């Protein structure tokens, strides 16, 4: 099977179910943004994988990659594709919430905004967080125009919280000084 088909040369692509749409369609923009997020989450996991202190977090990020692929597929559903992708369900969001609660219980409280930096891994957490926020906004646009499960929106919202707290956790584990915004 060839990688190129020439079917998209005029700016069209197929959604799950066969519907042809322009590559500027909100669904394509949304699943493309989630695809970007998957790549950056993988990079973050790779950067954490070299350090045994992050084994639990690396494992979680690998699960996140898989869940995000499901989110991508759900965003790519077109006409006649509704029954071709398994739902995300609420369990992935619940898992993120549990991880968030565990991390937050170990972190000191702060009263200022956190500024990324101090360690490449911390900054990568924030790159992932900001892409996730963009993906969430794009998914919201999709949900306003097409049928999209609330589970997708909840998952992306919770994932950005997870990535923020992961950045703070990496800060703590690496004994990096946390950079707080002082206006």
C-alpha atoms as a PDB file:
ATOM      1  CA  UNK A   1       0.000   0.000   0.000  1.00  0.00           C
ATOM      2  CA  UNK A   2       1.384   3.393  -0.994  1.00  0.00           C
ATOM      3  CA  UNK A   3       1.618   6.204   1.540  1.00  0.00           C
ATOM      4  CA  UNK A   4       0.344   8.730  -0.977  1.00  0.00           C
ATOM      5  CA  UNK A   5      -2.969   8.386  -2.782  1.00  0.00           C
ATOM      6  CA  UNK A   6      -3.206  11.800  -4.485  1.00  0.00           C
ATOM      7  CA  UNK A   7      -6.804  11.921  -3.207  1.00  0.00           C
ATOM      8  CA  UNK A   8      -6.034  14.991  -1.082  1.00  0.00           C
ATOM      9  CA  UNK A   9      -4.245  17.029  -3.710  1.00  0.00           C
ATOM     10  CA  UNK A  10      -7.227  19.342  -4.154  1.00  0.00           C
ATOM     11  CA  UNK A  11      -7.669  19.943  -0.425  1.00  0.00           C
ATOM     12  CA  UNK A  12     -10.192  17.222   0.368  1.00  0.00           C
ATOM     13  CA  UNK A  13      -9.920  14.318   2.774  1.00  0.00           C
ATOM     14  CA  UNK A  14     -12.180  11.502   3.930  1.00  0.00           C
ATOM     15  CA  UNK A  15     -13.661  11.223   7.382  1.00  0.00           C
ATOM     16  CA  UNK A  16     -14.524   7.905   9.013  1.00  0.00           C
ATOM     17  CA  UNK A  17     -17.611   6.737   7.146  1.00  0.00           C
ATOM     18  CA  UNK A  18     -16.415   8.059   3.792  1.00  0.00           C
ATOM     19  CA  UNK A  19     -17.694  11.643   3.899  1.00  0.00           C
ATOM     20  CA  UNK A  20     -15.363  13.913   1.888  1.00  0.00           C
ATOM     21  CA  UNK A  21     -14.611  17.314   3.417  1.00  0.00           C
ATOM     22  CA  UNK A  22     -12.125  20.100   2.947  1.00  0.00           C
ATOM     23  CA  UNK A  23      -8.982  19.844   5.056  1.00  0.00           C
ATOM     24  CA  UNK A  24     -10.068  23.122   6.649  1.00  0.00           C
ATOM     25  CA  UNK A  25     -13.173  21.454   8.133  1.00  0.00           C
ATOM     26  CA  UNK A  26     -13.361  21.970  11.913  1.00  0.00           C
ATOM     27  CA  UNK A  27     -13.202  18.202  12.467  1.00  0.00           C
ATOM     28  CA  UNK A  28      -9.953  17.933  10.513  1.00  0.00           C
ATOM     29  CA  UNK A  29      -8.515  20.933  12.374  1.00  0.00           C
ATOM     30  CA  UNK A  30      -9.539  19.371  15.690  1.00  0.00           C
ATOM     31  CA  UNK A  31      -8.157  15.889  15.075  1.00  0.00           C
ATOM     32  CA  UNK A  32      -5.025  17.434  13.564  1.00  0.00           C
ATOM     33  CA  UNK A  33      -4.491  19.411  16.754  1.00  0.00           C
ATOM     34  CA  UNK A  34      -4.965  16.266  18.836  1.00  0.00           C
ATOM     35  CA  UNK A  35      -2.485  14.498  16.539  1.00  0.00           C
ATOM     36  CA  UNK A  36       0.031  17.259  17.288  1.00  0.00           C
ATOM     37  CA  UNK A  37      -0.667  16.763  20.993  1.00  0.00           C
ATOM     38  CA  UNK A  38      -0.038  13.008  20.702  1.00  0.00           C
ATOM     39  CA  UNK A  39       3.365  13.692  19.155  1.00  0.00           C
ATOM     40  CA  UNK A  40       4.343  16.107  21.914  1.00  0.00           C
ATOM     41  CA  UNK A  41       3.036  13.806  24.669  1.00  0.00           C
ATOM     42  CA  UNK A  42       5.191  11.051  23.159  1.00  0.00           C
ATOM     43  CA  UNK A  43       8.201  13.371  23.192  1.00  0.00           C
ATOM     44  CA  UNK A  44       7.516  14.272  26.829  1.00  0.00           C
ATOM     45  CA  UNK A  45       7.220  10.590  27.748  1.00  0.00           C
ATOM     46  CA  UNK A  46      10.510   9.888  25.937  1.00  0.00           C
ATOM     47  CA  UNK A  47      12.216  12.679  27.893  1.00  0.00           C
ATOM     48  CA  UNK A  48      10.891  11.321  31.197  1.00  0.00           C
ATOM     49  CA  UNK A  49      11.582   7.656  30.375  1.00  0.00           C
ATOM     50  CA  UNK A  50      15.332   8.010  30.974  1.00  0.00           C
ATOM     51  CA  UNK A  51      14.780   8.736  34.674  1.00  0.00           C
ATOM     52  CA  UNK A  52      13.396   6.013  36.985  1.00  0.00           C
ATOM     53  CA  UNK A  53      11.811   8.684  39.194  1.00  0.00           C
ATOM     54  CA  UNK A  54       9.262   9.280  36.421  1.00  0.00           C
ATOM     55  CA  UNK A  55       8.365   5.657  35.634  1.00  0.00           C
ATOM     56  CA  UNK A  56       4.773   6.031  36.878  1.00  0.00           C
ATOM     57  CA  UNK A  57       4.281   9.250  34.918  1.00  0.00           C
ATOM     58  CA  UNK A  58       5.816   7.822  31.750  1.00  0.00           C
ATOM     59  CA  UNK A  59       3.423   4.896  31.975  1.00  0.00           C
ATOM     60  CA  UNK A  60       0.486   7.279  32.370  1.00  0.00           C
ATOM     61  CA  UNK A  61       1.604   9.339  29.386  1.00  0.00           C
ATOM     62  CA  UNK A  62       1.701   6.193  27.213  1.00  0.00           C
ATOM     63  CA  UNK A  63      -1.937   5.543  28.210  1.00  0.00           C
ATOM     64  CA  UNK A  64      -2.752   9.160  27.404  1.00  0.00           C
ATOM     65  CA  UNK A  65      -1.314   8.678  23.911  1.00  0.00           C
ATOM     66  CA  UNK A  66      -3.707   5.782  23.332  1.00  0.00           C
ATOM     67  CA  UNK A  67      -6.693   7.691  24.699  1.00  0.00           C
ATOM     68  CA  UNK A  68      -5.829  10.650  22.491  1.00  0.00           C
ATOM     69  CA  UNK A  69      -5.811   8.384  19.436  1.00  0.00           C
ATOM     70  CA  UNK A  70      -9.392   7.438  20.351  1.00  0.00           C
ATOM     71  CA  UNK A  71     -10.226  11.143  20.692  1.00  0.00           C
ATOM     72  CA  UNK A  72      -8.732  11.713  17.219  1.00  0.00           C
ATOM     73  CA  UNK A  73     -10.871   8.962  15.751  1.00  0.00           C
ATOM     74  CA  UNK A  74     -14.020  10.322  17.401  1.00  0.00           C
ATOM     75  CA  UNK A  75     -13.285  13.777  15.999  1.00  0.00           C
ATOM     76  CA  UNK A  76     -12.780  12.234  12.540  1.00  0.00           C
ATOM     77  CA  UNK A  77     -16.227  10.625  12.414  1.00  0.00           C
ATOM     78  CA  UNK A  78     -18.271  11.797   9.459  1.00  0.00           C
ATOM     79  CA  UNK A  79     -21.617  10.901   7.978  1.00  0.00           C
ATOM     80  CA  UNK A  80     -22.205   7.118   8.146  1.00  0.00           C
ATOM     81  CA  UNK A  81     -19.237   6.647  10.485  1.00  0.00           C
ATOM     82  CA  UNK A  82     -21.052   6.983  13.798  1.00  0.00           C
ATOM     83  CA  UNK A  83     -20.889   3.271  14.683  1.00  0.00           C
ATOM     84  CA  UNK A  84     -17.324   2.673  13.454  1.00  0.00           C
ATOM     85  CA  UNK A  85     -15.408   4.048  16.483  1.00  0.00           C
ATOM     86  CA  UNK A  86     -15.724   2.797  20.048  1.00  0.00           C
ATOM     87  CA  UNK A  87     -16.624   5.508  22.553  1.00  0.00           C
ATOM     88  CA  UNK A  88     -14.020   6.957  24.895  1.00  0.00           C
ATOM     89  CA  UNK A  89     -16.192   6.540  27.975  1.00  0.00           C
ATOM     90  CA  UNK A  90     -15.622   8.200  31.336  1.00  0.00           C
ATOM     91  CA  UNK A  91     -12.952   5.849  32.728  1.00  0.00           C
ATOM     92  CA  UNK A  92      -9.957   7.659  31.133  1.00  0.00           C
ATOM     93  CA  UNK A  93     -11.121  10.947  32.678  1.00  0.00           C
ATOM     94  CA  UNK A  94     -11.576   9.281  36.071  1.00  0.00           C
ATOM     95  CA  UNK A  95      -8.054   7.860  35.809  1.00  0.00           C
ATOM     96  CA  UNK A  96      -6.687  11.345  35.107  1.00  0.00           C
ATOM     97  CA  UNK A  97      -8.610  12.731  38.078  1.00  0.00           C
ATOM     98  CA  UNK A  98      -7.094  10.116  40.366  1.00  0.00           C
ATOM     99  CA  UNK A  99      -3.594  10.938  39.098  1.00  0.00           C
ATOM    100  CA  UNK A 100      -4.275  14.658  39.528  1.00  0.00           C
ATOM    101  CA  UNK A 101      -5.454  14.147  43.113  1.00  0.00           C
ATOM    102  CA  UNK A 102      -2.378  12.045  43.919  1.00  0.00           C
ATOM    103  CA  UNK A 103       0.023  14.628  42.490  1.00  0.00           C
ATOM    104  CA  UNK A 104      -1.755  17.579  44.057  1.00  0.00           C
ATOM    105  CA  UNK A 105      -1.641  15.982  47.518  1.00  0.00           C
ATOM    106  CA  UNK A 106       2.172  15.905  47.301  1.00  0.00           C
ATOM    107  CA  UNK A 107       2.682  19.448  46.001  1.00  0.00           C
ATOM    108  CA  UNK A 108       2.959  22.631  48.032  1.00  0.00           C
ATOM    109  CA  UNK A 109       0.096  25.067  47.584  1.00  0.00           C
ATOM    110  CA  UNK A 110       0.798  28.145  45.465  1.00  0.00           C
ATOM    111  CA  UNK A 111      -1.019  31.459  45.169  1.00  0.00           C
ATOM    112  CA  UNK A 112       0.622  32.674  41.948  1.00  0.00           C
ATOM    113  CA  UNK A 113       0.591  31.440  38.370  1.00  0.00           C
ATOM    114  CA  UNK A 114       3.372  29.046  37.371  1.00  0.00           C
ATOM    115  CA  UNK A 115       5.664  30.105  34.543  1.00  0.00           C
ATOM    116  CA  UNK A 116       7.155  27.265  32.471  1.00  0.00           C
ATOM    117  CA  UNK A 117      10.896  26.757  32.614  1.00  0.00           C
ATOM    118  CA  UNK A 118      13.803  25.664  34.726  1.00  0.00           C
ATOM    119  CA  UNK A 119      14.107  22.243  33.092  1.00  0.00           C
ATOM    120  CA  UNK A 120      13.340  21.079  29.556  1.00  0.00           C
ATOM    121  CA  UNK A 121      10.943  18.418  30.895  1.00  0.00           C
ATOM    122  CA  UNK A 122       8.955  21.009  32.829  1.00  0.00           C
ATOM    123  CA  UNK A 123       8.686  23.189  29.749  1.00  0.00           C
ATOM    124  CA  UNK A 124       7.558  20.173  27.694  1.00  0.00           C
ATOM    125  CA  UNK A 125       4.718  19.585  30.175  1.00  0.00           C
ATOM    126  CA  UNK A 126       3.560  23.135  29.512  1.00  0.00           C
ATOM    127  CA  UNK A 127       3.929  22.809  25.736  1.00  0.00           C
ATOM    128  CA  UNK A 128       1.664  19.755  25.954  1.00  0.00           C
ATOM    129  CA  UNK A 129      -0.749  21.629  28.234  1.00  0.00           C
ATOM    130  CA  UNK A 130      -1.112  24.558  25.834  1.00  0.00           C
ATOM    131  CA  UNK A 131      -1.637  22.300  22.816  1.00  0.00           C
ATOM    132  CA  UNK A 132      -4.198  20.376  24.841  1.00  0.00           C
ATOM    133  CA  UNK A 133      -6.070  23.608  25.597  1.00  0.00           C
ATOM    134  CA  UNK A 134      -6.122  24.415  21.877  1.00  0.00           C
ATOM    135  CA  UNK A 135      -7.356  20.897  21.107  1.00  0.00           C
ATOM    136  CA  UNK A 136     -10.102  21.349  23.699  1.00  0.00           C
ATOM    137  CA  UNK A 137     -11.198  24.636  22.084  1.00  0.00           C
ATOM    138  CA  UNK A 138     -11.256  22.981  18.647  1.00  0.00           C
ATOM    139  CA  UNK A 139     -13.226  20.014  20.002  1.00  0.00           C
ATOM    140  CA  UNK A 140     -15.723  22.448  21.488  1.00  0.00           C
ATOM    141  CA  UNK A 141     -16.231  24.006  18.053  1.00  0.00           C
ATOM    142  CA  UNK A 142     -16.780  20.511  16.644  1.00  0.00           C
ATOM    143  CA  UNK A 143     -19.320  19.731  19.378  1.00  0.00           C
ATOM    144  CA  UNK A 144     -21.281  22.868  18.485  1.00  0.00           C
ATOM    145  CA  UNK A 145     -21.587  21.777  14.847  1.00  0.00           C
ATOM    146  CA  UNK A 146     -21.514  17.973  14.975  1.00  0.00           C
ATOM    147  CA  UNK A 147     -22.307  15.142  17.339  1.00  0.00           C
ATOM    148  CA  UNK A 148     -19.429  14.710  19.821  1.00  0.00           C
ATOM    149  CA  UNK A 149     -19.489  12.897  23.134  1.00  0.00           C
ATOM    150  CA  UNK A 150     -19.182  14.993  26.284  1.00  0.00           C
ATOM    151  CA  UNK A 151     -16.571  12.436  27.381  1.00  0.00           C
ATOM    152  CA  UNK A 152     -14.158  13.851  24.783  1.00  0.00           C
ATOM    153  CA  UNK A 153     -14.529  17.398  26.079  1.00  0.00           C
ATOM    154  CA  UNK A 154     -14.189  16.298  29.714  1.00  0.00           C
ATOM    155  CA  UNK A 155     -11.094  14.230  28.901  1.00  0.00           C
ATOM    156  CA  UNK A 156      -9.297  17.074  27.134  1.00  0.00           C
ATOM    157  CA  UNK A 157     -10.197  19.481  29.920  1.00  0.00           C
ATOM    158  CA  UNK A 158      -8.892  17.144  32.598  1.00  0.00           C
ATOM    159  CA  UNK A 159      -5.796  16.272  30.578  1.00  0.00           C
ATOM    160  CA  UNK A 160      -4.676  19.899  30.524  1.00  0.00           C
ATOM    161  CA  UNK A 161      -5.027  19.959  34.330  1.00  0.00           C
ATOM    162  CA  UNK A 162      -3.013  16.737  34.543  1.00  0.00           C
ATOM    163  CA  UNK A 163      -0.249  18.166  32.351  1.00  0.00           C
ATOM    164  CA  UNK A 164      -0.085  21.332  34.459  1.00  0.00           C
ATOM    165  CA  UNK A 165       0.292  19.315  37.654  1.00  0.00           C
ATOM    166  CA  UNK A 166       2.783  17.000  35.968  1.00  0.00           C
ATOM    167  CA  UNK A 167       4.927  20.071  35.282  1.00  0.00           C
ATOM    168  CA  UNK A 168       4.754  21.010  38.946  1.00  0.00           C
ATOM    169  CA  UNK A 169       5.533  17.406  39.928  1.00  0.00           C
ATOM    170  CA  UNK A 170       8.584  17.309  37.654  1.00  0.00           C
ATOM    171  CA  UNK A 171       9.661  20.577  39.279  1.00  0.00           C
ATOM    172  CA  UNK A 172       9.424  18.988  42.724  1.00  0.00           C
ATOM    173  CA  UNK A 173      11.084  15.685  41.792  1.00  0.00           C
ATOM    174  CA  UNK A 174      14.025  17.394  40.063  1.00  0.00           C
ATOM    175  CA  UNK A 175      14.410  19.961  42.860  1.00  0.00           C
ATOM    176  CA  UNK A 176      14.055  22.718  40.287  1.00  0.00           C
ATOM    177  CA  UNK A 177      13.066  26.126  41.569  1.00  0.00           C
ATOM    178  CA  UNK A 178       9.453  26.736  40.632  1.00  0.00           C
ATOM    179  CA  UNK A 179       9.079  29.917  38.632  1.00  0.00           C
ATOM    180  CA  UNK A 180       6.053  31.885  39.755  1.00  0.00           C
ATOM    181  CA  UNK A 181       4.609  34.906  38.006  1.00  0.00           C
ATOM    182  CA  UNK A 182       5.174  38.008  40.083  1.00  0.00           C
ATOM    183  CA  UNK A 183       3.422  40.906  38.291  1.00  0.00           C
END
